[in-house]
C-alpha atoms as a PDB file:
ATOM      1  CA  MET A   1      -1.932  -8.791  10.110  1.00  0.00           C
ATOM      2  CA  ARG A   2       0.058  -9.407   6.963  1.00  0.00           C
ATOM      3  CA  ILE A   3       0.159 -12.179   4.405  1.00  0.00           C
ATOM      4  CA  LYS A   4       2.543 -13.186   1.647  1.00  0.00           C
ATOM      5  CA  ILE A   5       1.098 -14.807  -1.463  1.00  0.00           C
ATOM      6  CA  THR A   6       3.543 -16.746  -3.625  1.00  0.00           C
ATOM      7  CA  LEU A   7       2.567 -16.774  -7.293  1.00  0.00           C
ATOM      8  CA  LEU A   8       3.754 -18.673 -10.347  1.00  0.00           C
ATOM      9  CA  PRO A   9       3.711 -16.492 -13.486  1.00  0.00           C
ATOM     10  CA  GLU A  10       2.555 -17.406 -16.958  1.00  0.00           C
ATOM     11  CA  GLU A  11       5.357 -18.275 -19.347  1.00  0.00           C
ATOM     12  CA  TYR A  12       6.054 -16.123 -22.392  1.00  0.00           C
ATOM     13  CA  LYS A  13       3.389 -13.630 -21.394  1.00  0.00           C
ATOM     14  CA  SER A  14       3.539 -10.058 -20.082  1.00  0.00           C
ATOM     15  CA  LEU A  15       1.364  -7.811 -17.927  1.00  0.00           C
ATOM     16  CA  ASN A  16       0.795  -4.078 -18.315  1.00  0.00           C
ATOM     17  CA  ILE A  17       3.003  -2.288 -15.795  1.00  0.00           C
ATOM     18  CA  ASN A  18       0.066  -0.150 -14.611  1.00  0.00           C
ATOM     19  CA  TYR A  19      -1.670  -3.082 -12.937  1.00  0.00           C
ATOM     20  CA  ASN A  20      -2.597  -1.401  -9.636  1.00  0.00           C
ATOM     21  CA  TYR A  21      -6.219  -0.772 -10.611  1.00  0.00           C
ATOM     22  CA  PHE A  22      -6.762  -4.384 -11.647  1.00  0.00           C
ATOM     23  CA  LEU A  23      -5.013  -5.740  -8.552  1.00  0.00           C
ATOM     24  CA  SER A  24      -7.179  -3.506  -6.359  1.00  0.00           C
ATOM     25  CA  GLY A  25     -10.248  -4.846  -8.165  1.00  0.00           C
ATOM     26  CA  TRP A  26      -9.077  -8.412  -7.540  1.00  0.00           C
ATOM     27  CA  VAL A  27      -8.781  -7.702  -3.803  1.00  0.00           C
ATOM     28  CA  TYR A  28     -12.337  -6.340  -3.616  1.00  0.00           C
ATOM     29  CA  ASN A  29     -13.764  -9.145  -5.757  1.00  0.00           C
ATOM     30  CA  THR A  30     -12.043 -11.733  -3.577  1.00  0.00           C
ATOM     31  CA  LEU A  31     -13.539 -10.121  -0.470  1.00  0.00           C
ATOM     32  CA  LYS A  32     -16.955  -9.973  -2.109  1.00  0.00           C
ATOM     33  CA  LYS A  33     -16.944 -13.715  -2.761  1.00  0.00           C
ATOM     34  CA  ALA A  34     -16.189 -14.337   0.910  1.00  0.00           C
ATOM     35  CA  ASN A  35     -18.482 -11.699   2.456  1.00  0.00           C
ATOM     36  CA  ARG A  36     -20.473  -9.502   0.052  1.00  0.00           C
ATOM     37  CA  GLU A  37     -21.920  -7.226   2.740  1.00  0.00           C
ATOM     38  CA  PHE A  38     -18.524  -6.475   4.281  1.00  0.00           C
ATOM     39  CA  ALA A  39     -16.855  -5.945   0.897  1.00  0.00           C
ATOM     40  CA  GLU A  40     -19.529  -3.565  -0.365  1.00  0.00           C
ATOM     41  CA  HIS A  41     -19.504  -1.559   2.876  1.00  0.00           C
ATOM     42  CA  LEU A  42     -15.714  -1.277   2.724  1.00  0.00           C
ATOM     43  CA  HIS A  43     -15.700  -0.257  -0.938  1.00  0.00           C
ATOM     44  CA  GLU A  44     -18.583   2.217  -0.798  1.00  0.00           C
ATOM     45  CA  LYS A  45     -18.267   3.670   2.714  1.00  0.00           C
ATOM     46  CA  GLY A  46     -15.021   2.610   4.374  1.00  0.00           C
ATOM     47  CA  TYR A  47     -13.986   4.117   7.702  1.00  0.00           C
ATOM     48  CA  ARG A  48     -14.536   7.863   8.035  1.00  0.00           C
ATOM     49  CA  TYR A  49     -12.601  10.668   9.669  1.00  0.00           C
ATOM     50  CA  GLY A  50     -14.560  13.825   8.905  1.00  0.00           C
ATOM     51  CA  LYS A  51     -14.676  14.077   5.124  1.00  0.00           C
ATOM     52  CA  LYS A  52     -11.816  11.630   4.704  1.00  0.00           C
ATOM     53  CA  VAL A  53     -12.392   7.932   4.042  1.00  0.00           C
ATOM     54  CA  PHE A  54      -9.911   5.198   4.910  1.00  0.00           C
ATOM     55  CA  LYS A  55     -10.068   1.569   3.772  1.00  0.00           C
ATOM     56  CA  LEU A  56      -7.357   0.445   6.225  1.00  0.00           C
ATOM     57  CA  PHE A  57      -5.572  -2.002   3.975  1.00  0.00           C
ATOM     58  CA  THR A  58      -2.859  -1.912   1.365  1.00  0.00           C
ATOM     59  CA  PHE A  59      -0.880  -4.223  -0.882  1.00  0.00           C
ATOM     60  CA  SER A  60       2.585  -4.334  -2.377  1.00  0.00           C
ATOM     61  CA  GLN A  61       3.783  -4.242  -5.924  1.00  0.00           C
ATOM     62  CA  LEU A  62       4.213  -7.638  -7.551  1.00  0.00           C
ATOM     63  CA  ARG A  63       7.774  -8.532  -6.596  1.00  0.00           C
ATOM     64  CA  SER A  64      10.096 -11.016  -8.280  1.00  0.00           C
ATOM     65  CA  LYS A  65      13.853 -11.603  -8.360  1.00  0.00           C
ATOM     66  CA  LYS A  66      13.718 -12.063 -12.120  1.00  0.00           C
ATOM     67  CA  LEU A  67      11.646  -9.868 -14.395  1.00  0.00           C
ATOM     68  CA  LYS A  68      11.922  -8.021 -17.681  1.00  0.00           C
ATOM     69  CA  ILE A  69      10.368  -4.642 -18.474  1.00  0.00           C
ATOM     70  CA  ILE A  70       9.819  -3.642 -22.093  1.00  0.00           C
ATOM     71  CA  ASP A  71       8.112  -0.278 -22.584  1.00  0.00           C
ATOM     72  CA  ASP A  72       4.920  -0.482 -20.492  1.00  0.00           C
ATOM     73  CA  GLU A  73       4.888  -4.278 -20.231  1.00  0.00           C
ATOM     74  CA  ILE A  74       6.426  -6.426 -17.494  1.00  0.00           C
ATOM     75  CA  MET A  75       7.328 -10.100 -17.782  1.00  0.00           C
ATOM     76  CA  PHE A  76       7.785 -12.123 -14.581  1.00  0.00           C
ATOM     77  CA  LEU A  77      10.429 -14.841 -14.961  1.00  0.00           C
ATOM     78  CA  ASP A  78      10.401 -16.436 -11.511  1.00  0.00           C
ATOM     79  CA  GLU A  79       8.219 -16.856  -8.445  1.00  0.00           C
ATOM     80  CA  THR A  80       6.390 -13.619  -7.748  1.00  0.00           C
ATOM     81  CA  TYR A  81       5.261 -12.311  -4.375  1.00  0.00           C
ATOM     82  CA  LEU A  82       2.316 -10.189  -3.316  1.00  0.00           C
ATOM     83  CA  TYR A  83       2.017  -8.823   0.225  1.00  0.00           C
ATOM     84  CA  ILE A  84      -1.281  -7.639   1.700  1.00  0.00           C
ATOM     85  CA  THR A  85      -1.803  -6.030   5.101  1.00  0.00           C
ATOM     86  CA  SER A  86      -4.634  -4.729   7.282  1.00  0.00           C
ATOM     87  CA  PRO A  87      -5.219  -4.231  11.013  1.00  0.00           C
ATOM     88  CA  LYS A  88      -8.816  -5.402  10.512  1.00  0.00           C
ATOM     89  CA  LYS A  89      -9.193  -9.106  11.337  1.00  0.00           C
ATOM     90  CA  GLU A  90     -12.512  -9.270   9.469  1.00  0.00           C
ATOM     91  CA  PHE A  91     -10.761  -8.122   6.313  1.00  0.00           C
ATOM     92  CA  MET A  92      -7.858 -10.548   6.592  1.00  0.00           C
ATOM     93  CA  LEU A  93      -9.852 -13.608   7.633  1.00  0.00           C
ATOM     94  CA  ASN A  94     -12.418 -13.189   4.860  1.00  0.00           C
ATOM     95  CA  PHE A  95      -9.728 -12.466   2.299  1.00  0.00           C
ATOM     96  CA  VAL A  96      -7.430 -15.361   3.228  1.00  0.00           C
ATOM     97  CA  THR A  97     -10.317 -17.833   3.386  1.00  0.00           C
ATOM     98  CA  GLU A  98     -11.335 -16.996  -0.171  1.00  0.00           C
ATOM     99  CA  VAL A  99      -7.797 -16.898  -1.581  1.00  0.00           C
ATOM    100  CA  LEU A 100      -7.203 -20.406  -0.246  1.00  0.00           C
ATOM    101  CA  ASN A 101     -10.246 -21.545  -2.226  1.00  0.00           C
ATOM    102  CA  ASN A 102      -8.808 -20.258  -5.486  1.00  0.00           C
ATOM    103  CA  GLU A 103      -6.158 -21.675  -7.780  1.00  0.00           C
ATOM    104  CA  PHE A 104      -5.451 -18.536  -9.798  1.00  0.00           C
ATOM    105  CA  LEU A 105      -5.035 -14.777  -9.484  1.00  0.00           C
ATOM    106  CA  LYS A 106      -6.344 -13.235 -12.705  1.00  0.00           C
ATOM    107  CA  LEU A 107      -5.514  -9.711 -13.868  1.00  0.00           C
ATOM    108  CA  GLN A 108      -7.188  -8.944 -17.192  1.00  0.00           C
ATOM    109  CA  ASP A 109      -5.905 -11.685 -19.527  1.00  0.00           C
ATOM    110  CA  TYR A 110      -2.910 -12.552 -17.350  1.00  0.00           C
ATOM    111  CA  GLN A 111      -3.095 -15.417 -14.883  1.00  0.00           C
ATOM    112  CA  PHE A 112      -0.846 -16.262 -11.940  1.00  0.00           C
ATOM    113  CA  ARG A 113      -1.108 -19.647 -10.283  1.00  0.00           C
ATOM    114  CA  ILE A 114      -1.397 -19.312  -6.502  1.00  0.00           C
ATOM    115  CA  LYS A 115       1.325 -21.491  -4.981  1.00  0.00           C
ATOM    116  CA  SER A 116       0.984 -20.634  -1.290  1.00  0.00           C
ATOM    117  CA  VAL A 117      -0.421 -18.177   1.242  1.00  0.00           C
ATOM    118  CA  GLU A 118       1.611 -17.430   4.359  1.00  0.00           C
ATOM    119  CA  MET A 119       0.681 -15.423   7.444  1.00  0.00           C
ATOM    120  CA  LEU A 120       3.716 -13.363   8.450  1.00  0.00           C
ATOM    121  CA  LYS A 121       4.914 -12.677  11.966  1.00  0.00           C
ATOM    122  CA  GLU A 122       4.557  -9.054  12.994  1.00  0.00           C
ATOM    123  CA  PRO A 123       7.828  -7.324  13.892  1.00  0.00           C
ATOM    124  CA  GLU A 124       8.303  -5.596  17.216  1.00  0.00           C
ATOM    125  CA  PHE A 125       8.107  -1.823  17.271  1.00  0.00           C
ATOM    126  CA  SER A 126       9.752   0.417  19.860  1.00  0.00           C
ATOM    127  CA  ASN A 127      10.510   4.112  20.202  1.00  0.00           C
ATOM    128  CA  LYS A 128      14.006   3.466  18.849  1.00  0.00           C
ATOM    129  CA  GLU A 129      14.905   4.302  15.258  1.00  0.00           C
ATOM    130  CA  ASP A 130      14.135   1.480  12.817  1.00  0.00           C
ATOM    131  CA  LYS A 131      14.874   1.142   9.108  1.00  0.00           C
ATOM    132  CA  PHE A 132      12.177   0.571   6.492  1.00  0.00           C
ATOM    133  CA  ILE A 133      11.931  -0.018   2.764  1.00  0.00           C
ATOM    134  CA  CYS A 134       8.947   0.520   0.478  1.00  0.00           C
ATOM    135  CA  LEU A 135       7.076  -2.415  -1.034  1.00  0.00           C
ATOM    136  CA  SER A 136       4.990   0.064  -3.026  1.00  0.00           C
ATOM    137  CA  PRO A 137       5.396   3.827  -3.672  1.00  0.00           C
ATOM    138  CA  ILE A 138       4.490   6.309  -0.934  1.00  0.00           C
ATOM    139  CA  VAL A 139       2.089   9.019  -2.104  1.00  0.00           C
ATOM    140  CA  MET A 140       1.143  12.266  -0.405  1.00  0.00           C
ATOM    141  CA  SER A 141      -0.867  15.222  -1.687  1.00  0.00           C
ATOM    142  CA  THR A 142      -2.051  18.642  -0.668  1.00  0.00           C
ATOM    143  CA  ALA A 143      -4.942  20.858  -1.724  1.00  0.00           C
ATOM    144  CA  ILE A 144      -4.244  24.067  -3.629  1.00  0.00           C
ATOM    145  CA  GLU A 145      -6.455  26.666  -5.261  1.00  0.00           C
ATOM    146  CA  ILE A 146      -6.386  26.862  -9.064  1.00  0.00           C
ATOM    147  CA  ASP A 147      -8.691  29.302 -10.869  1.00  0.00           C
ATOM    148  CA  GLY A 148     -10.836  29.620  -7.760  1.00  0.00           C
ATOM    149  CA  LYS A 149     -11.188  25.849  -7.307  1.00  0.00           C
ATOM    150  CA  ARG A 150      -9.468  23.603  -4.778  1.00  0.00           C
ATOM    151  CA  LYS A 151      -7.566  20.764  -6.401  1.00  0.00           C
ATOM    152  CA  SER A 152      -5.393  18.002  -5.023  1.00  0.00           C
ATOM    153  CA  ILE A 153      -1.810  17.696  -6.262  1.00  0.00           C
ATOM    154  CA  ASN A 154       0.887  15.121  -5.488  1.00  0.00           C
ATOM    155  CA  LEU A 155       3.691  16.529  -3.341  1.00  0.00           C
ATOM    156  CA  PRO A 156       7.369  15.931  -4.144  1.00  0.00           C
ATOM    157  CA  LEU A 157       9.184  14.096  -1.393  1.00  0.00           C
ATOM    158  CA  HIS A 158      11.510  17.041  -0.658  1.00  0.00           C
ATOM    159  CA  ASP A 159       8.537  19.327   0.122  1.00  0.00           C
ATOM    160  CA  SER A 160       8.295  19.867   3.899  1.00  0.00           C
ATOM    161  CA  ARG A 161       4.556  19.179   3.695  1.00  0.00           C
ATOM    162  CA  PHE A 162       5.209  15.624   2.477  1.00  0.00           C
ATOM    163  CA  ILE A 163       6.363  14.313   5.864  1.00  0.00           C
ATOM    164  CA  GLU A 164       4.091  16.644   7.844  1.00  0.00           C
ATOM    165  CA  ASN A 165       1.018  15.412   5.964  1.00  0.00           C
ATOM    166  CA  ILE A 166       2.119  11.798   6.413  1.00  0.00           C
ATOM    167  CA  LYS A 167       2.286  12.317  10.185  1.00  0.00           C
ATOM    168  CA  ASN A 168      -1.202  13.866  10.269  1.00  0.00           C
ATOM    169  CA  ASN A 169      -2.502  11.040   8.096  1.00  0.00           C
ATOM    170  CA  LEU A 170      -1.110   8.467  10.541  1.00  0.00           C
ATOM    171  CA  ILE A 171      -2.789  10.157  13.496  1.00  0.00           C
ATOM    172  CA  GLU A 172      -6.103  10.188  11.614  1.00  0.00           C
ATOM    173  CA  LYS A 173      -5.798   6.471  10.875  1.00  0.00           C
ATOM    174  CA  TYR A 174      -5.046   5.811  14.537  1.00  0.00           C
ATOM    175  CA  TYR A 175      -8.186   7.722  15.538  1.00  0.00           C
ATOM    176  CA  VAL A 176     -10.307   5.765  13.041  1.00  0.00           C
ATOM    177  CA  LEU A 177      -8.951   2.492  14.436  1.00  0.00           C
ATOM    178  CA  TYR A 178      -9.214   3.246  18.152  1.00  0.00           C
ATOM    179  CA  ASN A 179     -11.701   6.146  18.349  1.00  0.00           C
ATOM    180  CA  THR A 180      -9.221   8.201  20.343  1.00  0.00           C
ATOM    181  CA  LEU A 181      -5.999  10.102  19.798  1.00  0.00           C
ATOM    182  CA  PRO A 182      -2.703   8.448  20.766  1.00  0.00           C
ATOM    183  CA  ASP A 183      -1.242   9.478  24.112  1.00  0.00           C
ATOM    184  CA  ASN A 184       2.018  10.289  22.361  1.00  0.00           C
ATOM    185  CA  LEU A 185       1.861  12.136  19.028  1.00  0.00           C
ATOM    186  CA  ASN A 186       5.611  11.933  18.443  1.00  0.00           C
ATOM    187  CA  ILE A 187       6.642  10.318  15.164  1.00  0.00           C
ATOM    188  CA  ASN A 188       9.856  10.994  13.234  1.00  0.00           C
ATOM    189  CA  ILE A 189      10.350  10.025   9.587  1.00  0.00           C
ATOM    190  CA  ASP A 190      13.630  10.587   7.740  1.00  0.00           C
ATOM    191  CA  PHE A 191      13.986   9.574   4.093  1.00  0.00           C
ATOM    192  CA  ASP A 192      17.359   8.614   2.629  1.00  0.00           C
ATOM    193  CA  VAL A 193      18.272  11.851   0.839  1.00  0.00           C
ATOM    194  CA  ASN A 194      21.140  10.330  -1.158  1.00  0.00           C
ATOM    195  CA  TYR A 195      18.873   7.571  -2.464  1.00  0.00           C
ATOM    196  CA  TYR A 196      16.180  10.113  -3.326  1.00  0.00           C
ATOM    197  CA  MET A 197      18.585  12.373  -5.235  1.00  0.00           C
ATOM    198  CA  LYS A 198      19.422   9.485  -7.581  1.00  0.00           C
ATOM    199  CA  ASN A 199      15.782   9.345  -8.664  1.00  0.00           C
ATOM    200  CA  PRO A 200      14.026  12.565  -7.596  1.00  0.00           C
ATOM    201  CA  ASN A 201      11.260  12.114 -10.177  1.00  0.00           C
ATOM    202  CA  GLY A 202       9.753   9.204  -8.270  1.00  0.00           C
ATOM    203  CA  LYS A 203       7.543   6.579  -9.865  1.00  0.00           C
ATOM    204  CA  ARG A 204       4.442   7.329 -11.937  1.00  0.00           C
ATOM    205  CA  ILE A 205       1.666   4.745 -12.009  1.00  0.00           C
ATOM    206  CA  LYS A 206      -1.520   5.068 -14.009  1.00  0.00           C
ATOM    207  CA  PHE A 207      -4.575   4.254 -11.880  1.00  0.00           C
ATOM    208  CA  LYS A 208      -7.770   4.313 -13.952  1.00  0.00           C
ATOM    209  CA  ASN A 209      -7.170   7.403 -16.092  1.00  0.00           C
ATOM    210  CA  VAL A 210      -5.018   9.350 -13.614  1.00  0.00           C
ATOM    211  CA  TYR A 211      -1.261   9.215 -13.105  1.00  0.00           C
ATOM    212  CA  VAL A 212      -0.188   8.992  -9.480  1.00  0.00           C
ATOM    213  CA  LYS A 213       3.390   9.775  -8.455  1.00  0.00           C
ATOM    214  CA  GLY A 214       4.992   8.196  -5.414  1.00  0.00           C
ATOM    215  CA  TYR A 215       8.424   7.371  -4.029  1.00  0.00           C
ATOM    216  CA  MET A 216      10.208   4.087  -3.279  1.00  0.00           C
ATOM    217  CA  VAL A 217      12.801   5.636  -0.940  1.00  0.00           C
ATOM    218  CA  PRO A 218      14.206   3.876   2.159  1.00  0.00           C
ATOM    219  CA  PHE A 219      13.674   5.702   5.435  1.00  0.00           C
ATOM    220  CA  THR A 220      13.969   5.515   9.186  1.00  0.00           C
ATOM    221  CA  MET A 221      11.100   5.929  11.604  1.00  0.00           C
ATOM    222  CA  SER A 222      11.020   6.431  15.355  1.00  0.00           C
ATOM    223  CA  GLY A 223       8.634   7.683  18.019  1.00  0.00           C
ATOM    224  CA  ASN A 224       5.370   6.255  19.307  1.00  0.00           C
ATOM    225  CA  PRO A 225       5.462   2.499  18.462  1.00  0.00           C
ATOM    226  CA  ASP A 226       1.652   2.468  18.216  1.00  0.00           C
ATOM    227  CA  LEU A 227       1.785   4.978  15.350  1.00  0.00           C
ATOM    228  CA  ILE A 228       4.588   3.035  13.675  1.00  0.00           C
ATOM    229  CA  LYS A 229       2.429  -0.083  13.888  1.00  0.00           C
ATOM    230  CA  VAL A 230      -0.439   1.785  12.185  1.00  0.00           C
ATOM    231  CA  ALA A 231       1.941   2.730   9.354  1.00  0.00           C
ATOM    232  CA  TYR A 232       3.039  -0.906   9.037  1.00  0.00           C
ATOM    233  CA  GLU A 233      -0.485  -2.349   9.042  1.00  0.00           C
ATOM    234  CA  CYS A 234      -2.401   0.316   7.093  1.00  0.00           C
ATOM    235  CA  GLY A 235       0.260   1.762   4.823  1.00  0.00           C
ATOM    236  CA  LEU A 236       2.145   5.052   4.881  1.00  0.00           C
ATOM    237  CA  GLY A 237       0.684   8.058   3.104  1.00  0.00           C
ATOM    238  CA  GLU A 238      -2.406   8.124   0.885  1.00  0.00           C
ATOM    239  CA  LYS A 239      -4.155   5.858  -1.640  1.00  0.00           C
ATOM    240  CA  ASN A 240      -3.253   2.749   0.337  1.00  0.00           C
ATOM    241  CA  SER A 241      -6.199   0.700  -0.956  1.00  0.00           C
ATOM    242  CA  ALA A 242      -4.960   1.431  -4.502  1.00  0.00           C
ATOM    243  CA  GLY A 243      -1.675  -0.281  -3.675  1.00  0.00           C
ATOM    244  CA  PHE A 244       0.448   2.597  -2.392  1.00  0.00           C
ATOM    245  CA  GLY A 245       2.457   3.060   0.795  1.00  0.00           C
ATOM    246  CA  MET A 246       3.160  -0.513   1.865  1.00  0.00           C
ATOM    247  CA  ILE A 247       6.358  -0.617   3.943  1.00  0.00           C
ATOM    248  CA  GLN A 248       8.623  -3.313   5.398  1.00  0.00           C
ATOM    249  CA  LYS A 249      10.858  -3.143   8.465  1.00  0.00           C
ATOM    250  CA  ILE A 250      14.418  -4.321   7.830  1.00  0.00           C
ATOM    251  CA  LYS A 251      17.323  -5.164  10.121  1.00  0.00           C
END
């Protein structure tokens, strides 16, 4: 399930460009107002796969046709859109119910007016190759040993482990959702190399006190449509609940 929230920005006011942490907090606070028990369980425990924890939702960047960026501040000059997705009906129904009861979306001292909330139709997925764009950066990491300690580092998109880890991550999400492995593990992901080479450094976003690097690179995906659907509903890659990895199918 996926929704589109249309927002009206404040005039003559800007928002810090590293707003992911505050937007994530708004999502949890909105859920908490609707269903405290569910929100606290999701935030503190989530859905587990071994030592990994999934929240099974993600959200887009704030998107607008007209905006101005000055240093680390962003000014929205037209209607702004926020997309939120989750395969969990309990999440979406609680969230939408509460959003409809609110007039504003507040991020620190910035305030959007909520104009509308729209439930979007889910696209059809097949085993044929489909094109996708990113509504928020895709992040993937790996663990390495530094001075005898295992630490997680963000992978560059051209690293072969980037796509391989994404595929494994998708299978883990599928298992968490359905308590079984998919019958078909085939999934192919091909990023637009020419697009990537124009901006190989990706996009760095500060979340709390840590910089996270991800990539807004178009790609194609084919294979098991059930795994593609998981990517569409849960997000592709890691840190989805922090606003990373939301994708959109295009014609």
